[in-house]
PDB file of N, CA and C in Angstrom:
ATOM      1  N   MET A   1     -47.291  29.641 -24.448  1.00  0.00           N
ATOM      2  CA  MET A   1     -46.007  30.314 -24.950  1.00  0.00           C
ATOM      3  C   MET A   1     -45.073  29.150 -24.571  1.00  0.00           C
ATOM      4  N   ARG A   2     -44.309  28.714 -25.531  1.00  0.00           N
ATOM      5  CA  ARG A   2     -42.938  27.954 -25.441  1.00  0.00           C
ATOM      6  C   ARG A   2     -41.881  28.965 -25.394  1.00  0.00           C
ATOM      7  N   ALA A   3     -40.975  28.449 -24.502  1.00  0.00           N
ATOM      8  CA  ALA A   3     -39.706  29.019 -24.161  1.00  0.00           C
ATOM      9  C   ALA A   3     -38.808  29.045 -25.547  1.00  0.00           C
ATOM     10  N   SER A   4     -38.095  30.056 -25.288  1.00  0.00           N
ATOM     11  CA  SER A   4     -37.217  30.081 -27.102  1.00  0.00           C
ATOM     12  C   SER A   4     -36.361  29.030 -26.691  1.00  0.00           C
ATOM     13  N   PRO A   5     -35.215  28.682 -27.878  1.00  0.00           N
ATOM     14  CA  PRO A   5     -34.074  27.931 -27.614  1.00  0.00           C
ATOM     15  C   PRO A   5     -33.203  28.463 -26.604  1.00  0.00           C
ATOM     16  N   ALA A   6     -32.875  29.799 -26.973  1.00  0.00           N
ATOM     17  CA  ALA A   6     -31.761  30.623 -25.985  1.00  0.00           C
ATOM     18  C   ALA A   6     -32.188  30.408 -24.597  1.00  0.00           C
ATOM     19  N   ALA A   7     -33.544  30.415 -24.194  1.00  0.00           N
ATOM     20  CA  ALA A   7     -34.078  30.462 -22.938  1.00  0.00           C
ATOM     21  C   ALA A   7     -33.705  29.021 -22.283  1.00  0.00           C
ATOM     22  N   ARG A   8     -34.004  27.864 -23.106  1.00  0.00           N
ATOM     23  CA  ARG A   8     -33.743  26.465 -22.454  1.00  0.00           C
ATOM     24  C   ARG A   8     -32.284  26.283 -22.503  1.00  0.00           C
ATOM     25  N   TRP A   9     -31.570  26.977 -23.432  1.00  0.00           N
ATOM     26  CA  TRP A   9     -29.870  26.625 -22.871  1.00  0.00           C
ATOM     27  C   TRP A   9     -29.596  27.245 -21.679  1.00  0.00           C
ATOM     28  N   ALA A  10     -30.013  28.691 -21.574  1.00  0.00           N
ATOM     29  CA  ALA A  10     -29.711  29.344 -20.342  1.00  0.00           C
ATOM     30  C   ALA A  10     -30.311  28.506 -19.033  1.00  0.00           C
ATOM     31  N   THR A  11     -31.364  27.932 -19.247  1.00  0.00           N
ATOM     32  CA  THR A  11     -31.860  27.232 -17.924  1.00  0.00           C
ATOM     33  C   THR A  11     -30.778  26.076 -17.662  1.00  0.00           C
ATOM     34  N   LEU A  12     -30.588  25.417 -18.898  1.00  0.00           N
ATOM     35  CA  LEU A  12     -29.399  24.121 -18.886  1.00  0.00           C
ATOM     36  C   LEU A  12     -28.089  24.795 -18.024  1.00  0.00           C
ATOM     37  N   ALA A  13     -27.774  25.767 -18.667  1.00  0.00           N
ATOM     38  CA  ALA A  13     -26.618  26.039 -18.248  1.00  0.00           C
ATOM     39  C   ALA A  13     -26.468  26.428 -16.515  1.00  0.00           C
ATOM     40  N   LEU A  14     -27.647  27.185 -16.229  1.00  0.00           N
ATOM     41  CA  LEU A  14     -27.866  27.520 -14.805  1.00  0.00           C
ATOM     42  C   LEU A  14     -27.880  26.198 -14.071  1.00  0.00           C
ATOM     43  N   ALA A  15     -28.559  25.147 -14.473  1.00  0.00           N
ATOM     44  CA  ALA A  15     -28.735  23.938 -13.650  1.00  0.00           C
ATOM     45  C   ALA A  15     -27.367  23.082 -13.662  1.00  0.00           C
ATOM     46  N   LEU A  16     -26.654  23.250 -14.762  1.00  0.00           N
ATOM     47  CA  LEU A  16     -25.187  22.557 -14.519  1.00  0.00           C
ATOM     48  C   LEU A  16     -24.410  23.198 -13.591  1.00  0.00           C
ATOM     49  N   THR A  17     -24.518  24.689 -13.654  1.00  0.00           N
ATOM     50  CA  THR A  17     -23.404  25.388 -12.840  1.00  0.00           C
ATOM     51  C   THR A  17     -23.969  25.185 -11.266  1.00  0.00           C
ATOM     52  N   ILE A  18     -25.209  25.069 -11.056  1.00  0.00           N
ATOM     53  CA  ILE A  18     -25.471  24.545  -9.585  1.00  0.00           C
ATOM     54  C   ILE A  18     -25.207  22.989  -9.321  1.00  0.00           C
ATOM     55  N   CYS A  19     -25.558  22.251 -10.133  1.00  0.00           N
ATOM     56  CA  CYS A  19     -25.233  20.663  -9.980  1.00  0.00           C
ATOM     57  C   CYS A  19     -23.810  20.154 -10.041  1.00  0.00           C
ATOM     58  N   VAL A  20     -23.097  20.516 -11.189  1.00  0.00           N
ATOM     59  CA  VAL A  20     -21.882  19.898 -10.972  1.00  0.00           C
ATOM     60  C   VAL A  20     -20.759  20.254  -9.995  1.00  0.00           C
ATOM     61  N   PRO A  21     -20.687  21.238  -9.437  1.00  0.00           N
ATOM     62  CA  PRO A  21     -19.942  21.627  -8.172  1.00  0.00           C
ATOM     63  C   PRO A  21     -20.203  20.714  -6.981  1.00  0.00           C
ATOM     64  N   SER A  22     -21.770  20.553  -6.905  1.00  0.00           N
ATOM     65  CA  SER A  22     -21.958  19.717  -5.829  1.00  0.00           C
ATOM     66  C   SER A  22     -21.719  18.098  -5.987  1.00  0.00           C
ATOM     67  N   LEU A  23     -21.517  17.804  -7.349  1.00  0.00           N
ATOM     68  CA  LEU A  23     -21.400  16.323  -7.633  1.00  0.00           C
ATOM     69  C   LEU A  23     -19.989  16.254  -7.539  1.00  0.00           C
ATOM     70  N   THR A  24     -19.080  17.211  -7.862  1.00  0.00           N
ATOM     71  CA  THR A  24     -17.802  17.058  -7.615  1.00  0.00           C
ATOM     72  C   THR A  24     -17.163  17.058  -6.151  1.00  0.00           C
ATOM     73  N   ALA A  25     -17.989  17.930  -5.239  1.00  0.00           N
ATOM     74  CA  ALA A  25     -17.827  17.755  -3.966  1.00  0.00           C
ATOM     75  C   ALA A  25     -18.198  16.428  -3.430  1.00  0.00           C
ATOM     76  N   LEU A  26     -18.976  15.722  -3.785  1.00  0.00           N
ATOM     77  CA  LEU A  26     -19.449  14.345  -3.233  1.00  0.00           C
ATOM     78  C   LEU A  26     -18.502  13.421  -3.737  1.00  0.00           C
ATOM     79  N   ALA A  27     -17.809  13.648  -5.122  1.00  0.00           N
ATOM     80  CA  ALA A  27     -16.945  12.502  -5.512  1.00  0.00           C
ATOM     81  C   ALA A  27     -15.488  13.044  -4.389  1.00  0.00           C
ATOM     82  N   ASP A  28     -15.284  14.216  -4.037  1.00  0.00           N
ATOM     83  CA  ASP A  28     -14.038  14.207  -3.317  1.00  0.00           C
ATOM     84  C   ASP A  28     -14.161  13.747  -1.858  1.00  0.00           C
ATOM     85  N   LYS A  29     -15.415  13.390  -1.425  1.00  0.00           N
ATOM     86  CA  LYS A  29     -15.668  12.961  -0.017  1.00  0.00           C
ATOM     87  C   LYS A  29     -15.794  11.536  -0.106  1.00  0.00           C
ATOM     88  N   THR A  30     -15.907  10.773  -1.127  1.00  0.00           N
ATOM     89  CA  THR A  30     -16.052   9.223  -1.163  1.00  0.00           C
ATOM     90  C   THR A  30     -14.700   8.959  -0.759  1.00  0.00           C
ATOM     91  N   PRO A  31     -14.682   7.633   0.302  1.00  0.00           N
ATOM     92  CA  PRO A  31     -13.586   6.961   0.976  1.00  0.00           C
ATOM     93  C   PRO A  31     -12.734   6.257   0.168  1.00  0.00           C
ATOM     94  N   ARG A  32     -11.367   6.729   0.267  1.00  0.00           N
ATOM     95  CA  ARG A  32     -10.474   5.841  -0.385  1.00  0.00           C
ATOM     96  C   ARG A  32     -10.179   4.672  -0.084  1.00  0.00           C
ATOM     97  N   SER A  33      -9.888   3.611  -0.863  1.00  0.00           N
ATOM     98  CA  SER A  33      -9.404   2.469  -0.225  1.00  0.00           C
ATOM     99  C   SER A  33      -8.111   2.367   0.112  1.00  0.00           C
ATOM    100  N   LEU A  34      -7.940   1.428   0.986  1.00  0.00           N
ATOM    101  CA  LEU A  34      -6.538   1.192   1.470  1.00  0.00           C
ATOM    102  C   LEU A  34      -5.338   0.960   0.625  1.00  0.00           C
ATOM    103  N   ALA A  35      -5.741   0.265  -0.610  1.00  0.00           N
ATOM    104  CA  ALA A  35      -4.675   0.223  -1.544  1.00  0.00           C
ATOM    105  C   ALA A  35      -4.152   1.882  -2.252  1.00  0.00           C
ATOM    106  N   GLU A  36      -4.991   2.724  -2.061  1.00  0.00           N
ATOM    107  CA  GLU A  36      -4.716   4.045  -2.522  1.00  0.00           C
ATOM    108  C   GLU A  36      -3.786   4.833  -1.519  1.00  0.00           C
ATOM    109  N   CYS A  37      -3.771   4.336  -0.201  1.00  0.00           N
ATOM    110  CA  CYS A  37      -3.240   5.349   0.711  1.00  0.00           C
ATOM    111  C   CYS A  37      -2.326   4.340   1.570  1.00  0.00           C
ATOM    112  N   THR A  38      -1.842   3.306   1.167  1.00  0.00           N
ATOM    113  CA  THR A  38      -0.949   2.524   1.719  1.00  0.00           C
ATOM    114  C   THR A  38       0.164   1.928   0.790  1.00  0.00           C
ATOM    115  N   SER A  39       1.677   1.870   1.137  1.00  0.00           N
ATOM    116  CA  SER A  39       2.419   1.527   0.022  1.00  0.00           C
ATOM    117  C   SER A  39       3.625   0.952   0.788  1.00  0.00           C
ATOM    118  N   PHE A  40       4.512   0.177  -0.346  1.00  0.00           N
ATOM    119  CA  PHE A  40       5.458  -0.399   0.317  1.00  0.00           C
ATOM    120  C   PHE A  40       6.863  -0.145  -0.193  1.00  0.00           C
ATOM    121  N   ASP A  41       7.949  -0.200   0.625  1.00  0.00           N
ATOM    122  CA  ASP A  41       9.065  -0.218  -0.023  1.00  0.00           C
ATOM    123  C   ASP A  41      10.309  -1.000   0.521  1.00  0.00           C
ATOM    124  N   GLN A  42      11.363  -1.314  -0.287  1.00  0.00           N
ATOM    125  CA  GLN A  42      12.285  -2.257   0.411  1.00  0.00           C
ATOM    126  C   GLN A  42      13.662  -1.534  -0.013  1.00  0.00           C
ATOM    127  N   THR A  43      14.721  -1.925   0.639  1.00  0.00           N
ATOM    128  CA  THR A  43      15.951  -1.365   0.539  1.00  0.00           C
ATOM    129  C   THR A  43      17.315  -2.300   1.146  1.00  0.00           C
ATOM    130  N   ASP A  44      18.234  -2.408   0.384  1.00  0.00           N
ATOM    131  CA  ASP A  44      19.188  -3.216   1.038  1.00  0.00           C
ATOM    132  C   ASP A  44      19.914  -2.695   2.312  1.00  0.00           C
ATOM    133  N   LYS A  45      20.049  -3.462   3.342  1.00  0.00           N
ATOM    134  CA  LYS A  45      20.628  -3.245   4.529  1.00  0.00           C
ATOM    135  C   LYS A  45      21.770  -3.904   4.711  1.00  0.00           C
ATOM    136  N   GLY A  46      22.771  -3.358   4.328  1.00  0.00           N
ATOM    137  CA  GLY A  46      24.170  -3.889   4.475  1.00  0.00           C
ATOM    138  C   GLY A  46      24.464  -5.102   3.530  1.00  0.00           C
ATOM    139  N   ASP A  47      25.281  -5.932   3.908  1.00  0.00           N
ATOM    140  CA  ASP A  47      25.533  -7.032   3.009  1.00  0.00           C
ATOM    141  C   ASP A  47      24.556  -8.298   3.269  1.00  0.00           C
ATOM    142  N   ASP A  48      23.797  -8.240   4.132  1.00  0.00           N
ATOM    143  CA  ASP A  48      23.060  -9.555   4.449  1.00  0.00           C
ATOM    144  C   ASP A  48      21.640  -9.302   4.911  1.00  0.00           C
ATOM    145  N   GLY A  49      20.932  -8.147   4.184  1.00  0.00           N
ATOM    146  CA  GLY A  49      19.810  -8.093   4.665  1.00  0.00           C
ATOM    147  C   GLY A  49      18.923  -6.993   4.099  1.00  0.00           C
ATOM    148  N   VAL A  50      17.515  -6.731   4.130  1.00  0.00           N
ATOM    149  CA  VAL A  50      16.840  -6.057   3.388  1.00  0.00           C
ATOM    150  C   VAL A  50      15.701  -5.589   4.520  1.00  0.00           C
ATOM    151  N   ALA A  51      15.618  -4.126   4.173  1.00  0.00           N
ATOM    152  CA  ALA A  51      14.798  -3.381   5.421  1.00  0.00           C
ATOM    153  C   ALA A  51      13.240  -3.313   4.488  1.00  0.00           C
ATOM    154  N   PHE A  52      12.279  -3.530   5.137  1.00  0.00           N
ATOM    155  CA  PHE A  52      10.989  -3.449   4.435  1.00  0.00           C
ATOM    156  C   PHE A  52      10.350  -2.318   5.131  1.00  0.00           C
ATOM    157  N   THR A  53       9.489  -1.371   4.611  1.00  0.00           N
ATOM    158  CA  THR A  53       8.785  -0.371   5.099  1.00  0.00           C
ATOM    159  C   THR A  53       7.478  -0.217   4.474  1.00  0.00           C
ATOM    160  N   ILE A  54       6.310  -0.105   5.324  1.00  0.00           N
ATOM    161  CA  ILE A  54       5.112  -0.052   4.867  1.00  0.00           C
ATOM    162  C   ILE A  54       4.639   1.393   5.365  1.00  0.00           C
ATOM    163  N   HIS A  55       4.066   2.442   4.407  1.00  0.00           N
ATOM    164  CA  HIS A  55       3.736   3.490   4.716  1.00  0.00           C
ATOM    165  C   HIS A  55       2.299   3.728   4.721  1.00  0.00           C
ATOM    166  N   ASN A  56       1.768   4.189   5.568  1.00  0.00           N
ATOM    167  CA  ASN A  56       0.340   4.511   5.879  1.00  0.00           C
ATOM    168  C   ASN A  56      -0.251   5.873   5.678  1.00  0.00           C
ATOM    169  N   ASN A  57      -0.839   6.443   4.606  1.00  0.00           N
ATOM    170  CA  ASN A  57      -1.088   7.621   4.485  1.00  0.00           C
ATOM    171  C   ASN A  57      -2.735   7.996   4.461  1.00  0.00           C
ATOM    172  N   CYS A  58      -3.236   6.844   5.317  1.00  0.00           N
ATOM    173  CA  CYS A  58      -4.681   6.769   5.331  1.00  0.00           C
ATOM    174  C   CYS A  58      -5.100   7.602   6.398  1.00  0.00           C
ATOM    175  N   THR A  59      -6.163   8.195   6.595  1.00  0.00           N
ATOM    176  CA  THR A  59      -6.758   8.906   7.800  1.00  0.00           C
ATOM    177  C   THR A  59      -7.111   8.037   9.012  1.00  0.00           C
ATOM    178  N   VAL A  60      -6.875   6.717   8.801  1.00  0.00           N
ATOM    179  CA  VAL A  60      -7.387   5.670   9.749  1.00  0.00           C
ATOM    180  C   VAL A  60      -6.258   4.693  10.289  1.00  0.00           C
ATOM    181  N   PRO A  61      -6.182   4.369  11.319  1.00  0.00           N
ATOM    182  CA  PRO A  61      -5.159   3.194  11.539  1.00  0.00           C
ATOM    183  C   PRO A  61      -5.283   2.013  10.893  1.00  0.00           C
ATOM    184  N   VAL A  62      -3.998   1.156  10.653  1.00  0.00           N
ATOM    185  CA  VAL A  62      -4.312   0.094   9.861  1.00  0.00           C
ATOM    186  C   VAL A  62      -3.453  -0.888  10.740  1.00  0.00           C
ATOM    187  N   ASP A  63      -3.536  -2.254  10.501  1.00  0.00           N
ATOM    188  CA  ASP A  63      -3.020  -3.427  11.051  1.00  0.00           C
ATOM    189  C   ASP A  63      -2.451  -4.103   9.663  1.00  0.00           C
ATOM    190  N   CYS A  64      -1.119  -4.090   9.630  1.00  0.00           N
ATOM    191  CA  CYS A  64      -0.655  -4.907   8.262  1.00  0.00           C
ATOM    192  C   CYS A  64       0.473  -6.119   8.741  1.00  0.00           C
ATOM    193  N   SER A  65       0.545  -7.055   7.627  1.00  0.00           N
ATOM    194  CA  SER A  65       1.039  -7.894   7.919  1.00  0.00           C
ATOM    195  C   SER A  65       2.176  -8.178   6.600  1.00  0.00           C
ATOM    196  N   LEU A  66       3.247  -8.896   6.820  1.00  0.00           N
ATOM    197  CA  LEU A  66       4.268  -8.811   6.032  1.00  0.00           C
ATOM    198  C   LEU A  66       5.155 -10.115   6.152  1.00  0.00           C
ATOM    199  N   SER A  67       5.266 -10.734   5.102  1.00  0.00           N
ATOM    200  CA  SER A  67       5.884 -12.080   5.108  1.00  0.00           C
ATOM    201  C   SER A  67       7.102 -12.030   4.101  1.00  0.00           C
ATOM    202  N   TRP A  68       7.889 -12.967   4.030  1.00  0.00           N
ATOM    203  CA  TRP A  68       8.982 -13.113   3.049  1.00  0.00           C
ATOM    204  C   TRP A  68       9.615 -14.632   3.299  1.00  0.00           C
ATOM    205  N   ARG A  69      10.638 -14.955   2.383  1.00  0.00           N
ATOM    206  CA  ARG A  69      11.247 -16.031   2.521  1.00  0.00           C
ATOM    207  C   ARG A  69      12.885 -15.931   2.069  1.00  0.00           C
ATOM    208  N   VAL A  70      13.691 -16.150   3.026  1.00  0.00           N
ATOM    209  CA  VAL A  70      15.229 -16.081   2.618  1.00  0.00           C
ATOM    210  C   VAL A  70      15.572 -17.361   2.267  1.00  0.00           C
ATOM    211  N   VAL A  71      16.234 -17.403   1.336  1.00  0.00           N
ATOM    212  CA  VAL A  71      16.805 -18.729   0.251  1.00  0.00           C
ATOM    213  C   VAL A  71      17.976 -18.599   0.459  1.00  0.00           C
ATOM    214  N   CYS A  72      18.933 -19.598   1.108  1.00  0.00           N
ATOM    215  CA  CYS A  72      20.347 -19.443   1.234  1.00  0.00           C
ATOM    216  C   CYS A  72      20.746 -20.447   0.140  1.00  0.00           C
ATOM    217  N   ALA A  73      21.907 -20.247  -0.303  1.00  0.00           N
ATOM    218  CA  ALA A  73      22.541 -21.104  -1.738  1.00  0.00           C
ATOM    219  C   ALA A  73      21.350 -21.424  -2.639  1.00  0.00           C
ATOM    220  N   PRO A  74      20.867 -20.222  -3.103  1.00  0.00           N
ATOM    221  CA  PRO A  74      19.624 -20.691  -4.191  1.00  0.00           C
ATOM    222  C   PRO A  74      19.988 -21.297  -5.122  1.00  0.00           C
ATOM    223  N   GLU A  75      21.533 -21.157  -5.724  1.00  0.00           N
ATOM    224  CA  GLU A  75      21.825 -21.859  -6.884  1.00  0.00           C
ATOM    225  C   GLU A  75      22.078 -23.354  -6.988  1.00  0.00           C
ATOM    226  N   SER A  76      22.268 -23.714  -5.489  1.00  0.00           N
ATOM    227  CA  SER A  76      22.947 -25.080  -5.071  1.00  0.00           C
ATOM    228  C   SER A  76      21.871 -26.123  -5.161  1.00  0.00           C
ATOM    229  N   LYS A  77      21.722 -27.170  -5.352  1.00  0.00           N
ATOM    230  CA  LYS A  77      20.587 -28.228  -5.204  1.00  0.00           C
ATOM    231  C   LYS A  77      20.817 -28.847  -3.867  1.00  0.00           C
ATOM    232  N   LYS A  78      22.206 -29.062  -3.387  1.00  0.00           N
ATOM    233  CA  LYS A  78      22.375 -29.876  -1.987  1.00  0.00           C
ATOM    234  C   LYS A  78      22.296 -28.913  -1.018  1.00  0.00           C
ATOM    235  N   ARG A  79      22.754 -27.648  -1.029  1.00  0.00           N
ATOM    236  CA  ARG A  79      23.149 -26.864   0.204  1.00  0.00           C
ATOM    237  C   ARG A  79      21.951 -25.981   0.274  1.00  0.00           C
ATOM    238  N   ARG A  80      21.014 -25.855  -0.661  1.00  0.00           N
ATOM    239  CA  ARG A  80      19.854 -24.877  -0.407  1.00  0.00           C
ATOM    240  C   ARG A  80      19.198 -25.198   0.546  1.00  0.00           C
ATOM    241  N   SER A  81      18.660 -23.836   1.316  1.00  0.00           N
ATOM    242  CA  SER A  81      17.623 -24.057   2.357  1.00  0.00           C
ATOM    243  C   SER A  81      16.810 -22.577   2.307  1.00  0.00           C
ATOM    244  N   SER A  82      15.882 -22.671   2.911  1.00  0.00           N
ATOM    245  CA  SER A  82      15.031 -21.482   3.083  1.00  0.00           C
ATOM    246  C   SER A  82      14.488 -21.492   4.584  1.00  0.00           C
ATOM    247  N   HIS A  83      14.163 -20.270   4.810  1.00  0.00           N
ATOM    248  CA  HIS A  83      13.680 -19.740   6.131  1.00  0.00           C
ATOM    249  C   HIS A  83      12.766 -18.566   6.090  1.00  0.00           C
ATOM    250  N   ALA A  84      11.478 -18.939   6.587  1.00  0.00           N
ATOM    251  CA  ALA A  84      10.311 -17.965   6.666  1.00  0.00           C
ATOM    252  C   ALA A  84      10.575 -16.817   7.416  1.00  0.00           C
ATOM    253  N   GLY A  85      10.345 -15.591   7.268  1.00  0.00           N
ATOM    254  CA  GLY A  85       9.875 -14.598   8.101  1.00  0.00           C
ATOM    255  C   GLY A  85       8.715 -13.911   7.939  1.00  0.00           C
ATOM    256  N   SER A  86       8.631 -13.209   9.068  1.00  0.00           N
ATOM    257  CA  SER A  86       7.230 -12.306   9.007  1.00  0.00           C
ATOM    258  C   SER A  86       7.233 -11.447  10.089  1.00  0.00           C
ATOM    259  N   ALA A  87       6.418 -10.571   9.810  1.00  0.00           N
ATOM    260  CA  ALA A  87       6.142  -9.214  10.695  1.00  0.00           C
ATOM    261  C   ALA A  87       4.710  -8.718  10.760  1.00  0.00           C
ATOM    262  N   LYS A  88       4.284  -8.297  11.831  1.00  0.00           N
ATOM    263  CA  LYS A  88       2.936  -7.659  12.183  1.00  0.00           C
ATOM    264  C   LYS A  88       3.227  -6.216  12.360  1.00  0.00           C
ATOM    265  N   LEU A  89       2.661  -5.232  12.024  1.00  0.00           N
ATOM    266  CA  LEU A  89       3.058  -3.896  12.114  1.00  0.00           C
ATOM    267  C   LEU A  89       1.520  -3.080  12.429  1.00  0.00           C
ATOM    268  N   ASN A  90       1.518  -2.376  13.268  1.00  0.00           N
ATOM    269  CA  ASN A  90       0.104  -1.612  13.692  1.00  0.00           C
ATOM    270  C   ASN A  90       0.459  -0.147  13.307  1.00  0.00           C
ATOM    271  N   LEU A  91      -0.024   0.534  12.465  1.00  0.00           N
ATOM    272  CA  LEU A  91       0.393   1.834  11.952  1.00  0.00           C
ATOM    273  C   LEU A  91      -0.942   2.645  12.187  1.00  0.00           C
ATOM    274  N   GLY A  92      -0.464   3.819  13.038  1.00  0.00           N
ATOM    275  CA  GLY A  92      -1.548   4.998  13.036  1.00  0.00           C
ATOM    276  C   GLY A  92      -1.801   5.512  11.916  1.00  0.00           C
ATOM    277  N   SER A  93      -2.672   6.345  11.937  1.00  0.00           N
ATOM    278  CA  SER A  93      -3.015   7.225  10.703  1.00  0.00           C
ATOM    279  C   SER A  93      -1.788   8.022  10.298  1.00  0.00           C
ATOM    280  N   VAL A  94      -1.453   8.157   8.845  1.00  0.00           N
ATOM    281  CA  VAL A  94      -0.254   8.850   8.525  1.00  0.00           C
ATOM    282  C   VAL A  94       0.858   8.398   9.160  1.00  0.00           C
ATOM    283  N   ALA A  95       1.420   7.138   9.280  1.00  0.00           N
ATOM    284  CA  ALA A  95       2.570   6.655   9.959  1.00  0.00           C
ATOM    285  C   ALA A  95       3.176   5.602   9.212  1.00  0.00           C
ATOM    286  N   SER A  96       4.576   5.403   9.392  1.00  0.00           N
ATOM    287  CA  SER A  96       5.440   4.196   8.867  1.00  0.00           C
ATOM    288  C   SER A  96       5.818   3.132   9.745  1.00  0.00           C
ATOM    289  N   GLY A  97       5.872   2.053   9.112  1.00  0.00           N
ATOM    290  CA  GLY A  97       6.753   0.931  10.040  1.00  0.00           C
ATOM    291  C   GLY A  97       7.652   0.046   9.302  1.00  0.00           C
ATOM    292  N   ASP A  98       8.667  -0.299  10.070  1.00  0.00           N
ATOM    293  CA  ASP A  98       9.606  -1.152   9.194  1.00  0.00           C
ATOM    294  C   ASP A  98       9.753  -2.364   9.854  1.00  0.00           C
ATOM    295  N   ALA A  99      10.353  -3.462   9.180  1.00  0.00           N
ATOM    296  CA  ALA A  99      10.481  -4.740   9.564  1.00  0.00           C
ATOM    297  C   ALA A  99      12.098  -5.005   8.710  1.00  0.00           C
ATOM    298  N   ALA A 100      12.730  -5.911   9.040  1.00  0.00           N
ATOM    299  CA  ALA A 100      13.854  -6.287   8.419  1.00  0.00           C
ATOM    300  C   ALA A 100      14.263  -7.895   8.518  1.00  0.00           C
ATOM    301  N   ALA A 101      14.697  -8.301   7.304  1.00  0.00           N
ATOM    302  CA  ALA A 101      14.829  -9.586   6.818  1.00  0.00           C
ATOM    303  C   ALA A 101      16.468  -9.790   6.767  1.00  0.00           C
ATOM    304  N   SER A 102      17.096 -10.665   7.593  1.00  0.00           N
ATOM    305  CA  SER A 102      18.165 -11.079   7.678  1.00  0.00           C
ATOM    306  C   SER A 102      18.650 -12.187   7.035  1.00  0.00           C
ATOM    307  N   ALA A 103      19.636 -12.340   6.045  1.00  0.00           N
ATOM    308  CA  ALA A 103      20.280 -13.349   5.491  1.00  0.00           C
ATOM    309  C   ALA A 103      21.471 -13.852   6.661  1.00  0.00           C
ATOM    310  N   SER A 104      21.736 -13.515   7.571  1.00  0.00           N
ATOM    311  CA  SER A 104      22.925 -14.097   8.507  1.00  0.00           C
ATOM    312  C   SER A 104      22.733 -15.489   8.660  1.00  0.00           C
ATOM    313  N   SER A 105      21.826 -16.114   8.463  1.00  0.00           N
ATOM    314  CA  SER A 105      21.664 -17.671   9.002  1.00  0.00           C
ATOM    315  C   SER A 105      22.339 -18.234   7.778  1.00  0.00           C
ATOM    316  N   CYS A 106      22.449 -17.681   6.387  1.00  0.00           N
ATOM    317  CA  CYS A 106      23.183 -18.269   5.252  1.00  0.00           C
ATOM    318  C   CYS A 106      24.766 -18.329   5.393  1.00  0.00           C
ATOM    319  N   GLY A 107      25.235 -17.650   6.308  1.00  0.00           N
ATOM    320  CA  GLY A 107      26.616 -17.585   6.662  1.00  0.00           C
ATOM    321  C   GLY A 107      27.431 -16.925   5.344  1.00  0.00           C
ATOM    322  N   ASP A 108      28.196 -17.585   4.975  1.00  0.00           N
ATOM    323  CA  ASP A 108      29.045 -17.091   3.672  1.00  0.00           C
ATOM    324  C   ASP A 108      28.495 -17.730   2.359  1.00  0.00           C
ATOM    325  N   GLU A 109      27.252 -18.136   2.563  1.00  0.00           N
ATOM    326  CA  GLU A 109      26.629 -18.729   1.402  1.00  0.00           C
ATOM    327  C   GLU A 109      26.059 -17.647   0.703  1.00  0.00           C
ATOM    328  N   GLY A 110      25.510 -17.708  -0.561  1.00  0.00           N
ATOM    329  CA  GLY A 110      24.978 -16.521  -1.714  1.00  0.00           C
ATOM    330  C   GLY A 110      23.183 -16.818  -0.944  1.00  0.00           C
ATOM    331  N   TRP A 111      22.658 -15.808  -1.179  1.00  0.00           N
ATOM    332  CA  TRP A 111      21.240 -15.810  -0.626  1.00  0.00           C
ATOM    333  C   TRP A 111      20.218 -14.819  -1.582  1.00  0.00           C
ATOM    334  N   SER A 112      19.085 -14.993  -1.572  1.00  0.00           N
ATOM    335  CA  SER A 112      18.060 -14.230  -1.873  1.00  0.00           C
ATOM    336  C   SER A 112      16.795 -14.237  -1.177  1.00  0.00           C
ATOM    337  N   ILE A 113      16.232 -13.220  -1.266  1.00  0.00           N
ATOM    338  CA  ILE A 113      14.706 -13.197  -0.616  1.00  0.00           C
ATOM    339  C   ILE A 113      13.571 -13.006  -1.609  1.00  0.00           C
ATOM    340  N   ASP A 114      12.596 -13.662  -1.497  1.00  0.00           N
ATOM    341  CA  ASP A 114      11.543 -13.923  -2.300  1.00  0.00           C
ATOM    342  C   ASP A 114      10.355 -14.101  -1.758  1.00  0.00           C
ATOM    343  N   SER A 115       9.148 -14.240  -2.283  1.00  0.00           N
ATOM    344  CA  SER A 115       7.868 -14.631  -1.680  1.00  0.00           C
ATOM    345  C   SER A 115       7.557 -13.425  -0.625  1.00  0.00           C
ATOM    346  N   ILE A 116       7.784 -11.996  -1.148  1.00  0.00           N
ATOM    347  CA  ILE A 116       7.384 -11.106  -0.327  1.00  0.00           C
ATOM    348  C   ILE A 116       5.898 -10.844  -0.523  1.00  0.00           C
ATOM    349  N   GLU A 117       5.368 -10.832   0.595  1.00  0.00           N
ATOM    350  CA  GLU A 117       3.709 -10.450   0.617  1.00  0.00           C
ATOM    351  C   GLU A 117       3.573  -9.480   1.599  1.00  0.00           C
ATOM    352  N   TRP A 118       2.561  -8.659   1.385  1.00  0.00           N
ATOM    353  CA  TRP A 118       2.036  -7.578   2.559  1.00  0.00           C
ATOM    354  C   TRP A 118       0.761  -7.076   2.369  1.00  0.00           C
ATOM    355  N   SER A 119       0.151  -6.925   3.229  1.00  0.00           N
ATOM    356  CA  SER A 119      -1.294  -6.729   3.289  1.00  0.00           C
ATOM    357  C   SER A 119      -1.737  -5.804   4.390  1.00  0.00           C
ATOM    358  N   CYS A 120      -2.872  -4.826   4.265  1.00  0.00           N
ATOM    359  CA  CYS A 120      -3.082  -3.980   5.746  1.00  0.00           C
ATOM    360  C   CYS A 120      -4.589  -4.153   5.466  1.00  0.00           C
ATOM    361  N   GLN A 121      -5.177  -3.905   6.857  1.00  0.00           N
ATOM    362  CA  GLN A 121      -6.552  -3.679   7.109  1.00  0.00           C
ATOM    363  C   GLN A 121      -6.792  -2.716   8.232  1.00  0.00           C
ATOM    364  N   PRO A 122      -8.050  -2.179   8.033  1.00  0.00           N
ATOM    365  CA  PRO A 122      -8.356  -1.157   9.029  1.00  0.00           C
ATOM    366  C   PRO A 122      -8.340  -1.784  10.400  1.00  0.00           C
ATOM    367  N   ASN A 123      -7.662  -0.882  11.296  1.00  0.00           N
ATOM    368  CA  ASN A 123      -7.639  -1.370  12.710  1.00  0.00           C
ATOM    369  C   ASN A 123      -9.181  -1.520  13.273  1.00  0.00           C
ATOM    370  N   LYS A 124      -9.262  -2.575  14.181  1.00  0.00           N
ATOM    371  CA  LYS A 124     -10.727  -2.504  14.380  1.00  0.00           C
ATOM    372  C   LYS A 124     -11.023  -1.904  15.853  1.00  0.00           C
ATOM    373  N   ASP A 125      -9.956  -1.550  16.560  1.00  0.00           N
ATOM    374  CA  ASP A 125      -9.869  -0.805  17.685  1.00  0.00           C
ATOM    375  C   ASP A 125     -10.500   0.601  17.758  1.00  0.00           C
TER     376      ASP A 125
END
């Protein structure tokens, strides 16, 4: 005896109600990448600096590196100079860390900050 089409649909509906919630639960437990739970902000700090902040919303501690370049007199061909800066930040889970770039070495010259790069890796400890 063959099952009626209604019985087949009922069996399929029952199977879906059992399987779909468990698949959703599995999807929620997949680990997030660091790109999804770390972020970067920058804000002006007075007339001659910029504050950089890395936020770690991951459940694991991370080690972050940050680098930048301060360019003094960026519009001048003769007085233009550049100064590299960097910082290492060890952030616990759900924490933030700050670093500052200062243009005080430029004196009264104009300045800009460029080549800003940051990255984070899981802490190996």
